[in-house]
Amino acid sequence: MREQTVQGTGGIGKSTPRQCLTAGPARMWKPRLRSWAAMILAAGLGWEAAAQSPTNQTDSLSASGGGYFGDWFARVTKIQSEQPHWIAPITTVTPRLEEELRYDQSWETTSSGTRLTSFGGGKGLELIPAENVEVILGVPAWQSRNKGDEVDGFADESFLVKYRLASANEESGNYIATAFLGLQAPTGSKDNTTDHYTVTPTLAGGKGWGNFDIQSTFGAGFPDNGTAPAGAGTPLQFNTSLQYRILKVLWPDVDVNYTYWPNGEHADKNQVFLTPSFILGRLPIRERVGLTIGIGYQVALTDKPTYNHNFILSARVPF
């Protein structure tokens, strides 16, 4: 069986050599680092004032210019104002409709003991092109292992469409229900592909109470080889995120990811992962553009998982 990163509703390039910094450049970087730290702190302190400004405030990015593309940002602002304003978790796909660029990177240990680094994590561009609809255009992750360049390469391409079934913002009920339809295409390199198209329908929902919220998804993967005994089968995936907001911008989060295989090469097996994480955001950058950064550490709670000890870094630029 080829070693691969497990990708699905759970969210879950060859790296360039690091360059050593001499003592001189290090001294030059110190004042810059202090300046960046001060900027981040100022952005965090200024979040409360930004959050209290009208959600439909007109700026140069959202100003209506007429027509479909001219009204894009004004339309997105209206659509997002009708749903809760939680942060997307690290490993559970949020039922919220998001518009952002996202890059994830993970360092995990596979079942054979190989250290695998995934650059990009299959994330990419998330857009809200119409009322209640989000489209995610994934960028194939580059997967690198610690046992030779010949097995490194791009993973499969993925796409996801969300349709929001019902929602209410914090003032009107603080809940959301959404349907997903995911597609994974076998575009990856020889050692990084499943060799099959896979469709994953999913139902997702969430409910909030003050600063606390729960977000959950339940889906099943259907590869084009069906329930072949040596194939991936049709895994059932259940993911839940427990989240709490502190000081407006800090979101401690615990994700539980459960997978059960009723058939295929892992028939009658299951695995459970626990992912504690911290997410900082949304920090305002300019007008409607922001920054969200999260880190998480995923560990297996069951025997013989497909991977384990997975450190995840997630960076998003919502707009």
Protein backbone atom coordinates (compact mmCIF):
# COMPACT_ATOMS: atom_id res chain seq x y z
CA MET A 1 0.00 0.00 0.00
CA ARG A 2 1.39 3.41 -0.92
CA GLU A 3 2.00 5.83 1.90
CA GLN A 4 -0.30 8.81 1.59
CA THR A 5 -1.67 11.59 3.69
CA VAL A 6 -5.27 10.86 4.70
CA GLN A 7 -7.35 13.57 3.08
CA GLY A 8 -11.09 14.01 3.31
CA THR A 9 -13.67 15.99 5.17
CA GLY A 10 -11.48 15.80 8.23
CA GLY A 11 -8.80 18.03 6.82
CA ILE A 12 -6.88 15.62 6.98
CA GLY A 13 7.24 20.58 -3.21
CA LYS A 14 10.38 19.58 -2.22
CA SER A 15 11.51 21.94 0.48
CA THR A 16 14.36 24.28 -0.26
CA PRO A 17 17.43 24.10 1.96
CA ARG A 18 17.49 26.53 4.84
CA GLN A 19 20.12 29.22 4.62
CA CYS A 20 22.25 29.91 7.68
CA LEU A 21 22.24 33.50 8.96
CA THR A 22 25.50 35.01 10.08
CA ALA A 23 25.82 37.06 13.26
CA GLY A 24 25.66 40.31 11.30
CA PRO A 25 22.29 39.64 9.60
CA ALA A 26 20.96 38.27 12.88
CA ARG A 27 21.53 41.65 14.52
CA MET A 28 19.78 43.30 11.60
CA TRP A 29 16.75 41.02 12.01
CA LYS A 30 16.26 41.73 15.73
CA PRO A 31 14.73 45.22 15.35
CA ARG A 32 12.60 43.95 12.47
CA LEU A 33 11.25 41.11 14.60
CA ARG A 34 10.44 43.57 17.38
CA SER A 35 8.62 45.79 14.87
CA TRP A 36 6.62 42.85 13.51
CA ALA A 37 5.69 41.74 17.05
CA ALA A 38 4.51 45.28 17.84
CA MET A 39 2.43 45.35 14.65
CA ILE A 40 0.76 42.00 15.48
CA LEU A 41 0.02 43.15 19.03
CA ALA A 42 -1.45 46.42 17.78
CA ALA A 43 -3.64 44.54 15.29
CA GLY A 44 -4.92 42.28 18.05
CA LEU A 45 -5.70 45.18 20.36
CA GLY A 46 -7.44 47.00 17.54
CA TRP A 47 -9.66 44.03 16.72
CA GLU A 48 -12.42 44.91 19.17
CA ALA A 49 -12.86 48.35 17.66
CA ALA A 50 -12.86 46.85 14.17
CA ALA A 51 -15.38 44.19 15.17
CA GLN A 52 -17.77 46.83 16.48
CA SER A 53 -17.85 48.69 13.16
CA PRO A 54 -20.88 48.06 10.90
CA THR A 55 -20.61 44.71 9.10
CA ASN A 56 -21.90 46.24 5.89
CA GLN A 57 -19.39 49.10 5.88
CA THR A 58 -18.51 50.15 2.34
CA ASP A 59 -14.81 50.28 1.44
CA SER A 60 -12.82 50.37 -1.77
CA LEU A 61 -12.88 46.56 -2.05
CA SER A 62 -16.61 46.10 -1.44
CA ALA A 63 -17.91 49.17 -3.18
CA SER A 64 -20.51 48.30 -5.76
CA GLY A 65 -19.31 48.82 -9.29
CA GLY A 66 -22.38 47.30 -10.90
CA GLY A 67 -22.81 43.88 -12.39
CA TYR A 68 -21.89 40.43 -11.07
CA PHE A 69 -18.19 41.06 -10.47
CA GLY A 70 -18.64 44.70 -9.48
CA ASP A 71 -21.01 43.69 -6.67
CA TRP A 72 -18.94 40.65 -5.61
CA PHE A 73 -17.67 41.82 -2.23
CA ALA A 74 -20.89 43.57 -1.25
CA ARG A 75 -22.73 40.30 -1.99
CA VAL A 76 -20.21 38.24 0.02
CA THR A 77 -20.53 40.62 2.99
CA LYS A 78 -24.31 40.22 2.99
CA ILE A 79 -24.13 36.41 2.68
CA GLN A 80 -21.64 36.09 5.55
CA SER A 81 -23.60 38.48 7.77
CA GLU A 82 -26.42 35.89 7.77
CA GLN A 83 -24.33 33.18 9.48
CA PRO A 84 -22.27 32.81 12.69
CA HIS A 85 -18.84 34.42 12.72
CA TRP A 86 -16.81 31.50 14.08
CA ILE A 87 -13.29 30.58 12.98
CA ALA A 88 -12.73 27.55 10.73
CA PRO A 89 -11.12 24.73 12.80
CA ILE A 90 -7.82 23.06 11.92
CA THR A 91 -9.04 19.58 10.87
CA THR A 92 -12.85 19.88 10.72
CA VAL A 93 -14.26 21.57 7.61
CA THR A 94 -16.44 24.44 8.83
CA PRO A 95 -20.10 24.58 7.75
CA ARG A 96 -19.66 28.36 7.37
CA LEU A 97 -19.21 29.86 3.91
CA GLU A 98 -15.70 31.30 3.68
CA GLU A 99 -13.89 33.49 1.18
CA GLU A 100 -10.14 33.21 1.68
CA LEU A 101 -6.79 31.85 0.59
CA ARG A 102 -5.62 28.98 2.80
CA TYR A 103 -2.30 27.19 3.12
CA ASP A 104 -1.75 24.27 5.52
CA GLN A 105 1.45 22.38 6.23
CA SER A 106 1.75 19.20 8.25
CA TRP A 107 4.51 16.95 9.56
CA GLU A 108 3.30 13.43 10.34
CA THR A 109 4.52 9.88 10.92
CA THR A 110 2.95 7.23 8.67
CA SER A 111 2.02 3.70 9.74
CA SER A 112 5.39 2.43 8.46
CA GLY A 113 7.34 4.97 10.50
CA THR A 114 8.14 7.31 7.60
CA ARG A 115 8.20 11.05 8.30
CA LEU A 116 5.97 12.76 5.73
CA THR A 117 5.74 16.51 5.18
CA SER A 118 2.74 17.85 3.28
CA PHE A 119 3.18 21.31 1.76
CA GLY A 120 -0.21 22.92 1.18
CA GLY A 121 -2.39 20.21 2.67
CA GLY A 122 -4.66 20.25 -0.37
CA LYS A 123 -6.05 23.67 0.60
CA GLY A 124 -6.31 26.61 -1.75
CA LEU A 125 -8.79 29.23 -2.89
CA GLU A 126 -12.25 29.47 -1.28
CA LEU A 127 -14.87 31.62 -3.00
CA ILE A 128 -18.55 32.50 -2.49
CA PRO A 129 -19.83 32.95 -6.07
CA ALA A 130 -23.56 32.97 -5.27
CA GLU A 131 -26.11 33.06 -2.47
CA ASN A 132 -25.61 30.11 -0.07
CA VAL A 133 -22.81 28.62 -2.25
CA GLU A 134 -19.08 28.21 -1.66
CA VAL A 135 -16.54 26.61 -4.00
CA ILE A 136 -13.12 25.40 -2.82
CA LEU A 137 -10.44 24.96 -5.48
CA GLY A 138 -7.77 22.86 -3.83
CA VAL A 139 -4.11 23.06 -4.77
CA PRO A 140 -2.47 19.59 -4.80
CA ALA A 141 -0.11 19.19 -1.85
CA TRP A 142 3.55 18.45 -2.44
CA GLN A 143 4.45 15.46 -0.26
CA SER A 144 8.02 14.86 0.83
CA ARG A 145 9.36 11.87 2.77
CA ASN A 146 12.54 11.28 4.70
CA LYS A 147 13.56 8.25 2.62
CA GLY A 148 14.55 9.48 -0.81
CA ASP A 149 13.46 12.00 -3.41
CA GLU A 150 12.14 9.35 -5.81
CA VAL A 151 8.88 9.00 -3.83
CA ASP A 152 8.24 12.74 -3.41
CA GLY A 153 5.59 14.38 -5.55
CA PHE A 154 2.21 16.05 -5.83
CA ALA A 155 -0.88 14.49 -4.25
CA ASP A 156 -4.30 14.30 -5.88
CA GLU A 157 -6.39 17.32 -6.85
CA SER A 158 -9.49 18.05 -4.76
CA PHE A 159 -12.60 20.21 -5.10
CA LEU A 160 -15.42 20.95 -2.67
CA VAL A 161 -18.79 22.64 -3.11
CA LYS A 162 -20.84 23.80 -0.11
CA TYR A 163 -24.53 24.68 -0.11
CA ARG A 164 -25.84 26.43 3.00
CA LEU A 165 -29.23 24.99 3.94
CA ALA A 166 -30.06 27.22 6.91
CA SER A 167 -28.26 29.74 9.09
CA ALA A 168 -28.64 32.53 11.62
CA ASN A 169 -26.03 34.91 12.98
CA GLU A 170 -25.28 35.46 16.67
CA GLU A 171 -28.18 37.88 17.11
CA SER A 172 -30.74 35.56 15.49
CA GLY A 173 -30.00 32.04 16.77
CA ASN A 174 -26.29 31.33 16.17
CA TYR A 175 -26.57 28.15 14.08
CA ILE A 176 -25.86 26.79 10.59
CA ALA A 177 -26.54 23.69 8.48
CA THR A 178 -24.68 22.98 5.22
CA ALA A 179 -24.32 20.21 2.63
CA PHE A 180 -20.95 19.43 1.00
CA LEU A 181 -20.00 17.54 -2.13
CA GLY A 182 -16.30 16.78 -2.51
CA LEU A 183 -14.39 15.35 -5.46
CA GLN A 184 -10.84 13.98 -5.44
CA ALA A 185 -9.23 13.35 -8.83
CA PRO A 186 -6.22 10.99 -9.31
CA THR A 187 -3.82 13.61 -10.64
CA GLY A 188 -0.99 12.88 -8.21
CA SER A 189 2.39 11.31 -8.91
CA LYS A 190 2.96 7.55 -8.83
CA ASP A 191 3.59 7.28 -5.08
CA ASN A 192 1.13 9.98 -4.01
CA THR A 193 -2.17 9.12 -5.69
CA THR A 194 -5.11 6.88 -4.86
CA ASP A 195 -5.48 6.05 -8.60
CA HIS A 196 -9.25 6.55 -8.28
CA TYR A 197 -11.82 9.31 -8.43
CA THR A 198 -13.61 9.69 -5.10
CA VAL A 199 -16.88 11.52 -4.39
CA THR A 200 -17.63 12.50 -0.78
CA PRO A 201 -21.11 13.78 0.12
CA THR A 202 -21.25 15.32 3.60
CA LEU A 203 -23.70 16.96 5.97
CA ALA A 204 -22.39 19.64 8.34
CA GLY A 205 -23.84 21.76 11.10
CA GLY A 206 -22.93 24.00 13.98
CA LYS A 207 -24.42 25.73 17.02
CA GLY A 208 -23.05 28.48 19.20
CA TRP A 209 -23.75 29.68 22.73
CA GLY A 210 -22.01 32.95 23.47
CA ASN A 211 -18.27 32.46 22.94
CA PHE A 212 -18.57 28.66 22.68
CA ASP A 213 -19.51 26.72 19.53
CA ILE A 214 -19.66 23.17 18.18
CA GLN A 215 -19.09 22.37 14.50
CA SER A 216 -19.57 18.85 13.09
CA THR A 217 -19.50 16.99 9.78
CA PHE A 218 -20.59 13.50 8.75
CA GLY A 219 -19.74 12.08 5.33
CA ALA A 220 -18.80 9.01 3.32
CA GLY A 221 -16.25 8.52 0.56
CA PHE A 222 -17.21 6.65 -2.63
CA PRO A 223 -14.27 5.74 -4.90
CA ASP A 224 -14.86 4.68 -8.51
CA ASN A 225 -13.76 1.12 -7.71
CA GLY A 226 -16.59 0.78 -5.20
CA THR A 227 -16.04 -1.74 -2.44
CA ALA A 228 -13.14 -3.65 -3.99
CA PRO A 229 -11.50 -5.79 -1.28
CA ALA A 230 -8.04 -4.32 -1.96
CA GLY A 231 -9.31 -0.76 -2.38
CA ALA A 232 -10.05 2.12 -0.01
CA GLY A 233 -13.67 1.06 0.42
CA THR A 234 -16.33 3.57 1.46
CA PRO A 235 -15.05 5.08 4.73
CA LEU A 236 -17.50 6.86 7.03
CA GLN A 237 -16.05 10.05 8.51
CA PHE A 238 -17.33 11.95 11.54
CA ASN A 239 -15.57 15.12 12.70
CA THR A 240 -16.42 17.45 15.57
CA SER A 241 -14.81 20.69 16.74
CA LEU A 242 -15.28 22.25 20.19
CA GLN A 243 -14.25 25.88 20.16
CA TYR A 244 -14.14 28.82 22.58
CA ARG A 245 -13.27 32.44 21.88
CA ILE A 246 -11.00 34.41 24.24
CA LEU A 247 -10.16 38.13 23.98
CA LYS A 248 -11.94 38.40 20.62
CA VAL A 249 -9.06 36.90 18.59
CA LEU A 250 -7.87 33.70 20.32
CA TRP A 251 -9.78 30.47 19.63
CA PRO A 252 -8.67 27.37 21.60
CA ASP A 253 -10.06 24.36 19.76
CA VAL A 254 -10.28 20.59 20.17
CA ASP A 255 -11.14 18.45 17.13
CA VAL A 256 -12.16 14.78 17.23
CA ASN A 257 -11.88 12.92 13.91
CA TYR A 258 -13.40 9.43 13.58
CA THR A 259 -13.21 7.12 10.54
CA TYR A 260 -14.79 3.69 10.12
CA TRP A 261 -14.26 1.37 7.13
CA PRO A 262 -17.19 -1.00 6.51
CA ASN A 263 -15.34 -2.58 3.58
CA GLY A 264 -12.15 -2.38 1.49
CA GLU A 265 -8.60 -3.11 2.66
CA HIS A 266 -9.34 -1.69 6.15
CA ALA A 267 -12.72 -3.47 6.52
CA ASP A 268 -14.21 -3.36 10.04
CA LYS A 269 -11.42 -1.12 11.31
CA ASN A 270 -11.68 2.37 12.75
CA GLN A 271 -9.41 5.15 13.91
CA VAL A 272 -9.85 8.18 16.15
CA PHE A 273 -7.68 11.30 16.24
CA LEU A 274 -7.64 14.11 18.79
CA THR A 275 -6.34 17.51 17.71
CA PRO A 276 -5.93 20.29 20.29
CA SER A 277 -5.12 23.58 18.60
CA PHE A 278 -4.93 27.35 18.98
CA ILE A 279 -6.12 29.73 16.28
CA LEU A 280 -5.41 33.46 16.21
CA GLY A 281 -7.74 35.58 14.10
CA ARG A 282 -9.19 37.26 12.38
CA LEU A 283 -6.55 40.00 12.56
CA PRO A 284 -7.42 42.94 10.30
CA ILE A 285 -4.80 43.91 7.71
CA ARG A 286 -6.52 46.36 5.40
CA GLU A 287 -10.22 46.97 4.88
CA ARG A 288 -11.79 43.51 4.38
CA VAL A 289 -8.47 41.64 4.13
CA GLY A 290 -7.38 39.80 7.30
CA LEU A 291 -5.01 37.17 8.63
CA THR A 292 -5.70 33.98 10.59
CA ILE A 293 -2.97 31.64 11.88
CA GLY A 294 -3.46 28.32 13.68
CA ILE A 295 -1.34 25.48 15.03
CA GLY A 296 -2.49 22.03 16.10
CA TYR A 297 -1.08 18.69 17.17
CA GLN A 298 -2.97 15.56 16.08
CA VAL A 299 -2.53 12.26 17.92
CA ALA A 300 -4.17 8.87 17.38
CA LEU A 301 -6.30 7.39 20.17
CA THR A 302 -6.67 3.97 18.51
CA ASP A 303 -4.20 1.22 17.65
CA LYS A 304 -2.53 0.93 14.22
CA PRO A 305 -3.67 4.25 12.70
CA THR A 306 -2.76 5.15 9.12
CA TYR A 307 -0.60 7.99 10.54
CA ASN A 308 0.16 9.61 13.90
CA HIS A 309 1.86 12.53 15.69
CA ASN A 310 0.83 15.12 13.12
CA PHE A 311 1.87 18.74 13.69
CA ILE A 312 -0.24 21.14 11.60
CA LEU A 313 0.31 24.78 10.71
CA SER A 314 -2.57 26.66 9.05
CA ALA A 315 -2.43 30.16 7.52
CA ARG A 316 -5.43 31.88 5.96
CA VAL A 317 -6.02 35.28 4.33
CA PRO A 318 -9.79 35.97 4.45
CA PHE A 319 -11.07 38.71 2.18
